[in-house]
């Protein structure tokens, strides 16, 4: 988000960004009738990631992350 630092515009821009994020998060949180308090922060982090990358192609970004940090570096159990 672009922050303009003059005559109090910065706080207005921050308020708009926060309101925009909460609107985005609330529309997704409505899908859950109840949520465990232990996992709420994970849902919020997911929405933060999606909100911050909403203009880009998430699949390419996730593949790039998985190549850098693979989920299973060595698999002790042969699944095949």
Protein backbone atom coordinates (compact mmCIF):
# COMPACT_ATOMS: atom_id res chain seq x y z
CA UNK A 1 0.00 0.00 0.00
CA UNK A 2 1.31 3.41 -0.88
CA UNK A 3 1.63 5.66 2.15
CA UNK A 4 1.47 9.40 1.71
CA UNK A 5 3.08 11.25 4.63
CA UNK A 6 1.58 14.69 4.67
CA UNK A 7 -1.27 16.42 6.50
CA UNK A 8 -2.64 13.29 8.18
CA UNK A 9 -3.29 11.43 4.94
CA UNK A 10 -1.11 8.55 6.17
CA UNK A 11 -3.56 7.57 8.92
CA UNK A 12 -6.50 7.71 6.50
CA UNK A 13 -4.66 5.45 4.05
CA UNK A 14 -3.88 2.98 6.87
CA UNK A 15 -7.54 2.98 7.96
CA UNK A 16 -8.66 2.26 4.41
CA UNK A 17 -6.16 -0.62 4.17
CA UNK A 18 -7.29 -2.14 7.48
CA UNK A 19 -10.98 -1.82 6.58
CA UNK A 20 -10.30 -3.35 3.18
CA UNK A 21 -8.47 -6.32 4.72
CA UNK A 22 -11.15 -6.93 7.37
CA UNK A 23 -13.86 -6.82 4.73
CA UNK A 24 -11.89 -9.38 2.71
CA UNK A 25 -11.29 -11.59 5.77
CA UNK A 26 -14.87 -11.38 7.05
CA UNK A 27 -16.33 -12.59 3.77
CA UNK A 28 -14.16 -15.68 4.04
CA UNK A 29 -14.64 -16.23 7.78
CA UNK A 30 -18.42 -16.30 7.31
CA UNK A 31 -18.04 -19.73 5.70
CA UNK A 32 -17.18 -21.21 9.09
CA UNK A 33 -20.00 -21.56 11.63
CA UNK A 34 -17.48 -22.00 14.40
CA UNK A 35 -13.73 -22.11 14.55
CA UNK A 36 -11.29 -23.46 17.09
CA UNK A 37 -9.37 -20.68 18.81
CA UNK A 38 -6.18 -22.67 18.26
CA UNK A 39 -6.46 -22.42 14.45
CA UNK A 40 -7.90 -18.93 14.06
CA UNK A 41 -4.46 -17.34 13.64
CA UNK A 42 -3.68 -19.78 10.82
CA UNK A 43 -6.85 -18.79 8.95
CA UNK A 44 -6.01 -15.13 9.49
CA UNK A 45 -2.46 -15.63 8.15
CA UNK A 46 -3.86 -17.41 5.09
CA UNK A 47 -6.20 -14.49 4.40
CA UNK A 48 -3.33 -12.05 4.95
CA UNK A 49 -1.23 -13.91 2.36
CA UNK A 50 -4.08 -14.05 -0.15
CA UNK A 51 -4.96 -10.39 0.43
CA UNK A 52 -1.37 -9.24 -0.06
CA UNK A 53 -0.98 -11.30 -3.25
CA UNK A 54 -4.50 -10.92 -4.64
CA UNK A 55 -3.31 -9.33 -7.89
CA UNK A 56 -0.84 -12.06 -8.80
CA UNK A 57 -0.86 -15.69 -9.81
CA UNK A 58 -0.80 -17.60 -6.52
CA UNK A 59 -0.10 -20.98 -8.09
CA UNK A 60 3.25 -19.83 -9.54
CA UNK A 61 4.16 -18.16 -6.27
CA UNK A 62 3.34 -21.26 -4.21
CA UNK A 63 5.32 -23.52 -6.58
CA UNK A 64 8.30 -21.18 -6.20
CA UNK A 65 8.04 -21.40 -2.38
CA UNK A 66 7.67 -25.20 -2.45
CA UNK A 67 10.76 -25.56 -4.64
CA UNK A 68 12.73 -23.49 -2.16
CA UNK A 69 11.25 -25.16 0.94
CA UNK A 70 9.97 -28.66 0.06
CA UNK A 71 7.42 -30.22 2.40
CA UNK A 72 9.15 -33.61 2.48
CA UNK A 73 12.91 -33.48 2.19
CA UNK A 74 13.27 -37.21 2.74
CA UNK A 75 10.37 -39.61 2.92
CA UNK A 76 10.95 -42.53 5.32
CA UNK A 77 7.84 -44.38 4.15
CA UNK A 78 7.56 -45.65 0.61
CA UNK A 79 4.08 -44.57 -0.53
CA UNK A 80 4.35 -46.10 -3.99
